[in-house]
Amino acid sequence: MRKLFLTSGGLPNETRDAFLKLLGKNPQDTRVAFIPTAKDPEEDQSYVQRSLDQLDELGFVYESTDLKEYSKETLGEKLTQFDVIYVNGGNTFYLLDWIRKSGFDQIIGDLLDQGKIYLGVSAGTIVAGPNIETAGWKNLDRNFLNLTDLTGLNLVPFSVFVHYEPEFQTLIESETTRITYPMIVLTDQQAVLGEGTRYKIVGPGNRWVLNDSAEKYA
């Protein structure tokens, strides 16, 4: 049974317990592959340290694993050593490009079938869905690579809009008229917990789901 934890803001206090329950073992006994690749185009990379601080606070053992440094063969060998595959945030288009170049897209399904947990943050959450187009709405992320194929990893049957604030409501309501798949809107204090084909929105606040029933994610 595949396990995923898709977040907007990492592991804040509001969702930590849900992730630890999904993990089912002590953080001190858990090896985390921390994939920081999406940060490269970003001017402000301070959020990376915040992600690492969260892991430190919980006692996780982690190792930085940059997709740029691996081929499909070497990446597969490397990631089998870990329990959690943590794909951090940054530029979603850049991340998707390296996911393909490194062969990550070809091996992540097998890794999840082996029992690894996919932990996505921001861009790392968006790429898990069927399409990453939400990242580019109103240029929230710059598609400076001019990618035309925005197909995601298809690990889940829905897209996620991250870092929700009330100012984005009109944008979301207008843009979602163009998509056919479900979309979940997350604040930085929320996450989607996935076990097999069952998905649940965790964390405080309203559950906002478009093109589907929010009750399915309760």
C-alpha atoms as a PDB file:
ATOM      1  CA  MET A   1       0.000   0.000   0.000  1.00  0.00           C
ATOM      2  CA  ARG A   2       1.539   3.274  -1.123  1.00  0.00           C
ATOM      3  CA  LYS A   3       1.940   6.035   1.455  1.00  0.00           C
ATOM      4  CA  LEU A   4       2.247   9.747   0.732  1.00  0.00           C
ATOM      5  CA  PHE A   5       2.180  12.929   2.780  1.00  0.00           C
ATOM      6  CA  LEU A   6       1.653  16.007   0.625  1.00  0.00           C
ATOM      7  CA  THR A   7       2.189  19.329   2.371  1.00  0.00           C
ATOM      8  CA  SER A   8       2.212  23.022   1.623  1.00  0.00           C
ATOM      9  CA  GLY A   9       4.624  24.090   4.343  1.00  0.00           C
ATOM     10  CA  GLY A  10       6.505  20.975   5.429  1.00  0.00           C
ATOM     11  CA  LEU A  11       5.941  19.535   8.892  1.00  0.00           C
ATOM     12  CA  PRO A  12       4.540  22.307  11.097  1.00  0.00           C
ATOM     13  CA  ASN A  13       3.159  21.457  14.521  1.00  0.00           C
ATOM     14  CA  GLU A  14      -0.369  21.139  13.117  1.00  0.00           C
ATOM     15  CA  THR A  15       0.396  18.101  10.921  1.00  0.00           C
ATOM     16  CA  ARG A  16       3.389  16.430  12.566  1.00  0.00           C
ATOM     17  CA  ASP A  17       1.410  13.891  14.544  1.00  0.00           C
ATOM     18  CA  ALA A  18      -0.428  12.747  11.417  1.00  0.00           C
ATOM     19  CA  PHE A  19       2.850  12.189   9.592  1.00  0.00           C
ATOM     20  CA  LEU A  20       4.439  10.337  12.506  1.00  0.00           C
ATOM     21  CA  LYS A  21       1.406   8.062  12.722  1.00  0.00           C
ATOM     22  CA  LEU A  22       1.674   7.344   8.986  1.00  0.00           C
ATOM     23  CA  LEU A  23       5.385   6.640   9.416  1.00  0.00           C
ATOM     24  CA  GLY A  24       4.793   4.132  12.197  1.00  0.00           C
ATOM     25  CA  LYS A  25       8.336   4.193  13.581  1.00  0.00           C
ATOM     26  CA  ASN A  26      10.606   6.455  15.572  1.00  0.00           C
ATOM     27  CA  PRO A  27      12.139   9.368  13.635  1.00  0.00           C
ATOM     28  CA  GLN A  28      15.519   8.435  15.093  1.00  0.00           C
ATOM     29  CA  ASP A  29      15.252   5.084  13.308  1.00  0.00           C
ATOM     30  CA  THR A  30      14.128   6.640  10.020  1.00  0.00           C
ATOM     31  CA  ARG A  31      16.387   7.601   7.118  1.00  0.00           C
ATOM     32  CA  VAL A  32      15.198  10.537   5.020  1.00  0.00           C
ATOM     33  CA  ALA A  33      16.429  11.380   1.522  1.00  0.00           C
ATOM     34  CA  PHE A  34      16.082  15.169   1.399  1.00  0.00           C
ATOM     35  CA  ILE A  35      15.792  16.359  -2.212  1.00  0.00           C
ATOM     36  CA  PRO A  36      16.522  20.130  -2.364  1.00  0.00           C
ATOM     37  CA  THR A  37      16.838  20.426  -6.154  1.00  0.00           C
ATOM     38  CA  ALA A  38      13.888  22.801  -6.687  1.00  0.00           C
ATOM     39  CA  LYS A  39      15.640  25.544  -4.709  1.00  0.00           C
ATOM     40  CA  ASP A  40      18.266  26.298  -7.360  1.00  0.00           C
ATOM     41  CA  PRO A  41      16.440  29.093  -9.242  1.00  0.00           C
ATOM     42  CA  GLU A  42      15.140  30.754  -6.071  1.00  0.00           C
ATOM     43  CA  GLU A  43      16.688  33.981  -4.778  1.00  0.00           C
ATOM     44  CA  ASP A  44      15.478  33.402  -1.228  1.00  0.00           C
ATOM     45  CA  GLN A  45      16.424  29.889  -0.148  1.00  0.00           C
ATOM     46  CA  SER A  46      15.909  30.391   3.582  1.00  0.00           C
ATOM     47  CA  TYR A  47      12.899  28.045   3.493  1.00  0.00           C
ATOM     48  CA  VAL A  48      15.269  25.123   2.909  1.00  0.00           C
ATOM     49  CA  GLN A  49      16.804  25.605   6.328  1.00  0.00           C
ATOM     50  CA  ARG A  50      13.329  25.807   7.859  1.00  0.00           C
ATOM     51  CA  SER A  51      12.534  22.413   6.351  1.00  0.00           C
ATOM     52  CA  LEU A  52      15.745  20.955   7.760  1.00  0.00           C
ATOM     53  CA  ASP A  53      15.063  22.547  11.153  1.00  0.00           C
ATOM     54  CA  GLN A  54      11.697  20.761  11.254  1.00  0.00           C
ATOM     55  CA  LEU A  55      13.420  17.435  10.594  1.00  0.00           C
ATOM     56  CA  ASP A  56      16.007  18.189  13.278  1.00  0.00           C
ATOM     57  CA  GLU A  57      13.304  19.053  15.813  1.00  0.00           C
ATOM     58  CA  LEU A  58      11.688  15.667  15.239  1.00  0.00           C
ATOM     59  CA  GLY A  59      14.985  13.779  15.396  1.00  0.00           C
ATOM     60  CA  PHE A  60      15.101  12.491  11.815  1.00  0.00           C
ATOM     61  CA  VAL A  61      18.299  11.255  10.190  1.00  0.00           C
ATOM     62  CA  TYR A  62      18.493  12.852   6.744  1.00  0.00           C
ATOM     63  CA  GLU A  63      20.868  13.180   3.828  1.00  0.00           C
ATOM     64  CA  SER A  64      20.743  15.743   1.037  1.00  0.00           C
ATOM     65  CA  THR A  65      20.162  13.972  -2.284  1.00  0.00           C
ATOM     66  CA  ASP A  66      20.307  16.371  -5.244  1.00  0.00           C
ATOM     67  CA  LEU A  67      18.729  14.956  -8.401  1.00  0.00           C
ATOM     68  CA  LYS A  68      21.315  16.739 -10.555  1.00  0.00           C
ATOM     69  CA  GLU A  69      24.035  14.468  -9.222  1.00  0.00           C
ATOM     70  CA  TYR A  70      22.476  11.163 -10.288  1.00  0.00           C
ATOM     71  CA  SER A  71      21.464   9.065 -13.266  1.00  0.00           C
ATOM     72  CA  LYS A  72      18.452   6.754 -13.229  1.00  0.00           C
ATOM     73  CA  GLU A  73      20.634   3.790 -12.213  1.00  0.00           C
ATOM     74  CA  THR A  74      22.594   5.546  -9.478  1.00  0.00           C
ATOM     75  CA  LEU A  75      19.538   7.394  -8.158  1.00  0.00           C
ATOM     76  CA  GLY A  76      17.581   4.183  -7.766  1.00  0.00           C
ATOM     77  CA  GLU A  77      20.444   2.569  -5.864  1.00  0.00           C
ATOM     78  CA  LYS A  78      20.739   5.620  -3.634  1.00  0.00           C
ATOM     79  CA  LEU A  79      17.076   6.047  -2.764  1.00  0.00           C
ATOM     80  CA  THR A  80      16.563   2.402  -1.826  1.00  0.00           C
ATOM     81  CA  GLN A  81      18.689   3.171   1.256  1.00  0.00           C
ATOM     82  CA  PHE A  82      16.029   5.487   2.702  1.00  0.00           C
ATOM     83  CA  ASP A  83      12.619   5.171   4.348  1.00  0.00           C
ATOM     84  CA  VAL A  84      11.244   8.579   3.348  1.00  0.00           C
ATOM     85  CA  ILE A  85      11.695  10.403   0.040  1.00  0.00           C
ATOM     86  CA  TYR A  86      11.348  14.088   0.957  1.00  0.00           C
ATOM     87  CA  VAL A  87      10.912  16.306  -2.124  1.00  0.00           C
ATOM     88  CA  ASN A  88      11.262  19.902  -0.998  1.00  0.00           C
ATOM     89  CA  GLY A  89       9.917  23.075  -2.564  1.00  0.00           C
ATOM     90  CA  GLY A  90      11.160  25.734  -4.939  1.00  0.00           C
ATOM     91  CA  ASN A  91      10.487  26.214  -8.630  1.00  0.00           C
ATOM     92  CA  THR A  92       8.041  23.527  -9.762  1.00  0.00           C
ATOM     93  CA  PHE A  93       8.984  23.674 -13.448  1.00  0.00           C
ATOM     94  CA  TYR A  94      12.691  23.323 -12.682  1.00  0.00           C
ATOM     95  CA  LEU A  95      11.953  20.433 -10.327  1.00  0.00           C
ATOM     96  CA  LEU A  96       9.854  18.612 -12.928  1.00  0.00           C
ATOM     97  CA  ASP A  97      12.642  19.037 -15.485  1.00  0.00           C
ATOM     98  CA  TRP A  98      15.193  17.372 -13.190  1.00  0.00           C
ATOM     99  CA  ILE A  99      12.718  14.707 -12.134  1.00  0.00           C
ATOM    100  CA  ARG A 100      12.695  13.642 -15.775  1.00  0.00           C
ATOM    101  CA  LYS A 101      16.408  14.126 -16.464  1.00  0.00           C
ATOM    102  CA  SER A 102      17.413  12.066 -13.420  1.00  0.00           C
ATOM    103  CA  GLY A 103      14.916   9.277 -14.066  1.00  0.00           C
ATOM    104  CA  PHE A 104      13.183   9.944 -10.745  1.00  0.00           C
ATOM    105  CA  ASP A 105       9.842   9.779 -12.531  1.00  0.00           C
ATOM    106  CA  GLN A 106      10.617   6.230 -13.660  1.00  0.00           C
ATOM    107  CA  ILE A 107      11.633   4.863 -10.259  1.00  0.00           C
ATOM    108  CA  ILE A 108       9.458   6.610  -7.662  1.00  0.00           C
ATOM    109  CA  GLY A 109       6.493   4.267  -8.186  1.00  0.00           C
ATOM    110  CA  ASP A 110       8.623   1.206  -7.498  1.00  0.00           C
ATOM    111  CA  LEU A 111      10.112   2.866  -4.424  1.00  0.00           C
ATOM    112  CA  LEU A 112       6.647   3.527  -3.003  1.00  0.00           C
ATOM    113  CA  ASP A 113       5.659  -0.062  -3.745  1.00  0.00           C
ATOM    114  CA  GLN A 114       8.691  -1.117  -1.672  1.00  0.00           C
ATOM    115  CA  GLY A 115       7.250   0.773   1.299  1.00  0.00           C
ATOM    116  CA  LYS A 116       9.040   4.111   1.012  1.00  0.00           C
ATOM    117  CA  ILE A 117       6.968   7.159   1.956  1.00  0.00           C
ATOM    118  CA  TYR A 118       6.756  10.150  -0.390  1.00  0.00           C
ATOM    119  CA  LEU A 119       6.833  13.430   1.543  1.00  0.00           C
ATOM    120  CA  GLY A 120       6.182  16.448  -0.659  1.00  0.00           C
ATOM    121  CA  VAL A 121       6.523  20.106   0.238  1.00  0.00           C
ATOM    122  CA  SER A 122       5.123  22.862  -1.996  1.00  0.00           C
ATOM    123  CA  ALA A 123       6.640  22.130  -5.448  1.00  0.00           C
ATOM    124  CA  GLY A 124       7.312  18.587  -4.243  1.00  0.00           C
ATOM    125  CA  THR A 125       3.593  18.239  -3.574  1.00  0.00           C
ATOM    126  CA  ILE A 126       2.483  19.770  -6.868  1.00  0.00           C
ATOM    127  CA  VAL A 127       4.615  17.413  -9.002  1.00  0.00           C
ATOM    128  CA  ALA A 128       2.980  14.382  -7.356  1.00  0.00           C
ATOM    129  CA  GLY A 129      -0.293  15.081  -9.158  1.00  0.00           C
ATOM    130  CA  PRO A 130      -1.425  14.620 -12.759  1.00  0.00           C
ATOM    131  CA  ASN A 131      -0.340  18.085 -13.911  1.00  0.00           C
ATOM    132  CA  ILE A 132       1.692  20.994 -12.516  1.00  0.00           C
ATOM    133  CA  GLU A 133      -0.156  23.812 -14.290  1.00  0.00           C
ATOM    134  CA  THR A 134      -1.444  25.264 -11.004  1.00  0.00           C
ATOM    135  CA  ALA A 135       2.143  26.277 -10.208  1.00  0.00           C
ATOM    136  CA  GLY A 136       2.114  28.747 -13.077  1.00  0.00           C
ATOM    137  CA  TRP A 137      -1.227  30.428 -12.440  1.00  0.00           C
ATOM    138  CA  LYS A 138      -0.561  34.177 -12.544  1.00  0.00           C
ATOM    139  CA  ASN A 139       3.159  33.344 -12.676  1.00  0.00           C
ATOM    140  CA  LEU A 140       3.243  32.202  -9.053  1.00  0.00           C
ATOM    141  CA  ASP A 141       6.105  30.023 -10.343  1.00  0.00           C
ATOM    142  CA  ARG A 142       8.055  31.121 -13.417  1.00  0.00           C
ATOM    143  CA  ASN A 143       8.205  28.634 -16.280  1.00  0.00           C
ATOM    144  CA  PHE A 144      11.564  30.027 -17.336  1.00  0.00           C
ATOM    145  CA  LEU A 145      12.440  26.708 -19.006  1.00  0.00           C
ATOM    146  CA  ASN A 146       9.370  27.068 -21.236  1.00  0.00           C
ATOM    147  CA  LEU A 147       8.240  23.522 -20.501  1.00  0.00           C
ATOM    148  CA  THR A 148       5.232  22.556 -22.600  1.00  0.00           C
ATOM    149  CA  ASP A 149       4.612  19.067 -21.192  1.00  0.00           C
ATOM    150  CA  LEU A 150       3.384  19.751 -17.668  1.00  0.00           C
ATOM    151  CA  THR A 151       2.446  16.165 -16.851  1.00  0.00           C
ATOM    152  CA  GLY A 152       3.211  15.339 -13.232  1.00  0.00           C
ATOM    153  CA  LEU A 153       4.153  12.068 -11.546  1.00  0.00           C
ATOM    154  CA  ASN A 154       0.527  10.907 -11.307  1.00  0.00           C
ATOM    155  CA  LEU A 155       1.113   9.468  -7.852  1.00  0.00           C
ATOM    156  CA  VAL A 156      -2.289  10.858  -6.840  1.00  0.00           C
ATOM    157  CA  PRO A 157      -5.437  11.540  -8.918  1.00  0.00           C
ATOM    158  CA  PHE A 158      -5.694  15.203  -7.937  1.00  0.00           C
ATOM    159  CA  SER A 159      -3.731  18.427  -8.151  1.00  0.00           C
ATOM    160  CA  VAL A 160      -2.830  20.594  -5.171  1.00  0.00           C
ATOM    161  CA  PHE A 161      -2.779  24.376  -4.833  1.00  0.00           C
ATOM    162  CA  VAL A 162      -0.281  25.226  -2.077  1.00  0.00           C
ATOM    163  CA  HIS A 163       0.300  28.219   0.226  1.00  0.00           C
ATOM    164  CA  TYR A 164      -3.345  29.249   0.117  1.00  0.00           C
ATOM    165  CA  GLU A 165      -4.255  32.708   1.376  1.00  0.00           C
ATOM    166  CA  PRO A 166      -7.685  34.379   0.982  1.00  0.00           C
ATOM    167  CA  GLU A 167      -6.252  36.678  -1.701  1.00  0.00           C
ATOM    168  CA  PHE A 168      -5.962  33.642  -4.018  1.00  0.00           C
ATOM    169  CA  GLN A 169      -9.648  32.668  -3.839  1.00  0.00           C
ATOM    170  CA  THR A 170     -10.773  34.540  -6.970  1.00  0.00           C
ATOM    171  CA  LEU A 171      -7.790  33.244  -8.945  1.00  0.00           C
ATOM    172  CA  ILE A 172      -8.499  29.651  -7.941  1.00  0.00           C
ATOM    173  CA  GLU A 173     -12.211  29.843  -8.694  1.00  0.00           C
ATOM    174  CA  SER A 174     -11.591  31.285 -12.163  1.00  0.00           C
ATOM    175  CA  GLU A 175      -8.711  29.008 -13.160  1.00  0.00           C
ATOM    176  CA  THR A 176     -10.320  25.760 -12.036  1.00  0.00           C
ATOM    177  CA  THR A 177     -13.034  26.176 -14.652  1.00  0.00           C
ATOM    178  CA  ARG A 178     -10.389  25.051 -17.161  1.00  0.00           C
ATOM    179  CA  ILE A 179      -9.354  21.806 -15.462  1.00  0.00           C
ATOM    180  CA  THR A 180     -11.221  18.512 -15.262  1.00  0.00           C
ATOM    181  CA  TYR A 181      -9.362  16.712 -12.482  1.00  0.00           C
ATOM    182  CA  PRO A 182      -9.949  17.337  -8.745  1.00  0.00           C
ATOM    183  CA  MET A 183      -7.883  19.977  -6.981  1.00  0.00           C
ATOM    184  CA  ILE A 184      -7.218  20.304  -3.254  1.00  0.00           C
ATOM    185  CA  VAL A 185      -6.359  23.695  -1.790  1.00  0.00           C
ATOM    186  CA  LEU A 186      -3.948  23.651   1.164  1.00  0.00           C
ATOM    187  CA  THR A 187      -2.786  26.255   3.640  1.00  0.00           C
ATOM    188  CA  ASP A 188       0.694  25.942   5.120  1.00  0.00           C
ATOM    189  CA  GLN A 189      -0.858  24.267   8.180  1.00  0.00           C
ATOM    190  CA  GLN A 190      -2.551  21.502   6.175  1.00  0.00           C
ATOM    191  CA  ALA A 191      -1.515  18.355   4.322  1.00  0.00           C
ATOM    192  CA  VAL A 192      -2.990  15.435   2.410  1.00  0.00           C
ATOM    193  CA  LEU A 193      -2.308  12.020   3.916  1.00  0.00           C
ATOM    194  CA  GLY A 194      -2.493   9.165   1.445  1.00  0.00           C
ATOM    195  CA  GLU A 195      -2.651   5.429   2.150  1.00  0.00           C
ATOM    196  CA  GLY A 196      -3.422   3.295  -0.862  1.00  0.00           C
ATOM    197  CA  THR A 197      -6.419   4.895  -2.566  1.00  0.00           C
ATOM    198  CA  ARG A 198      -7.615   6.662   0.606  1.00  0.00           C
ATOM    199  CA  TYR A 199      -6.771  10.343   1.007  1.00  0.00           C
ATOM    200  CA  LYS A 200      -7.433  12.614   3.959  1.00  0.00           C
ATOM    201  CA  ILE A 201      -6.874  16.337   4.481  1.00  0.00           C
ATOM    202  CA  VAL A 202      -5.268  16.918   7.893  1.00  0.00           C
ATOM    203  CA  GLY A 203      -4.579  20.101   9.816  1.00  0.00           C
ATOM    204  CA  PRO A 204      -6.805  22.987  10.949  1.00  0.00           C
ATOM    205  CA  GLY A 205      -9.146  24.956   8.712  1.00  0.00           C
ATOM    206  CA  ASN A 206     -11.715  24.275   6.038  1.00  0.00           C
ATOM    207  CA  ARG A 207     -11.313  21.483   3.505  1.00  0.00           C
ATOM    208  CA  TRP A 208     -11.503  23.092   0.082  1.00  0.00           C
ATOM    209  CA  VAL A 209     -11.762  20.650  -2.800  1.00  0.00           C
ATOM    210  CA  LEU A 210     -12.749  21.583  -6.349  1.00  0.00           C
ATOM    211  CA  ASN A 211     -14.183  19.230  -8.988  1.00  0.00           C
ATOM    212  CA  ASP A 212     -14.832  16.648  -6.272  1.00  0.00           C
ATOM    213  CA  SER A 213     -16.569  16.199  -2.927  1.00  0.00           C
ATOM    214  CA  ALA A 214     -14.682  17.443   0.134  1.00  0.00           C
ATOM    215  CA  GLU A 215     -16.319  14.635   2.132  1.00  0.00           C
ATOM    216  CA  LYS A 216     -14.105  12.123   0.308  1.00  0.00           C
ATOM    217  CA  TYR A 217     -11.074  13.688   2.003  1.00  0.00           C
ATOM    218  CA  ALA A 218     -12.423  13.894   5.543  1.00  0.00           C
END
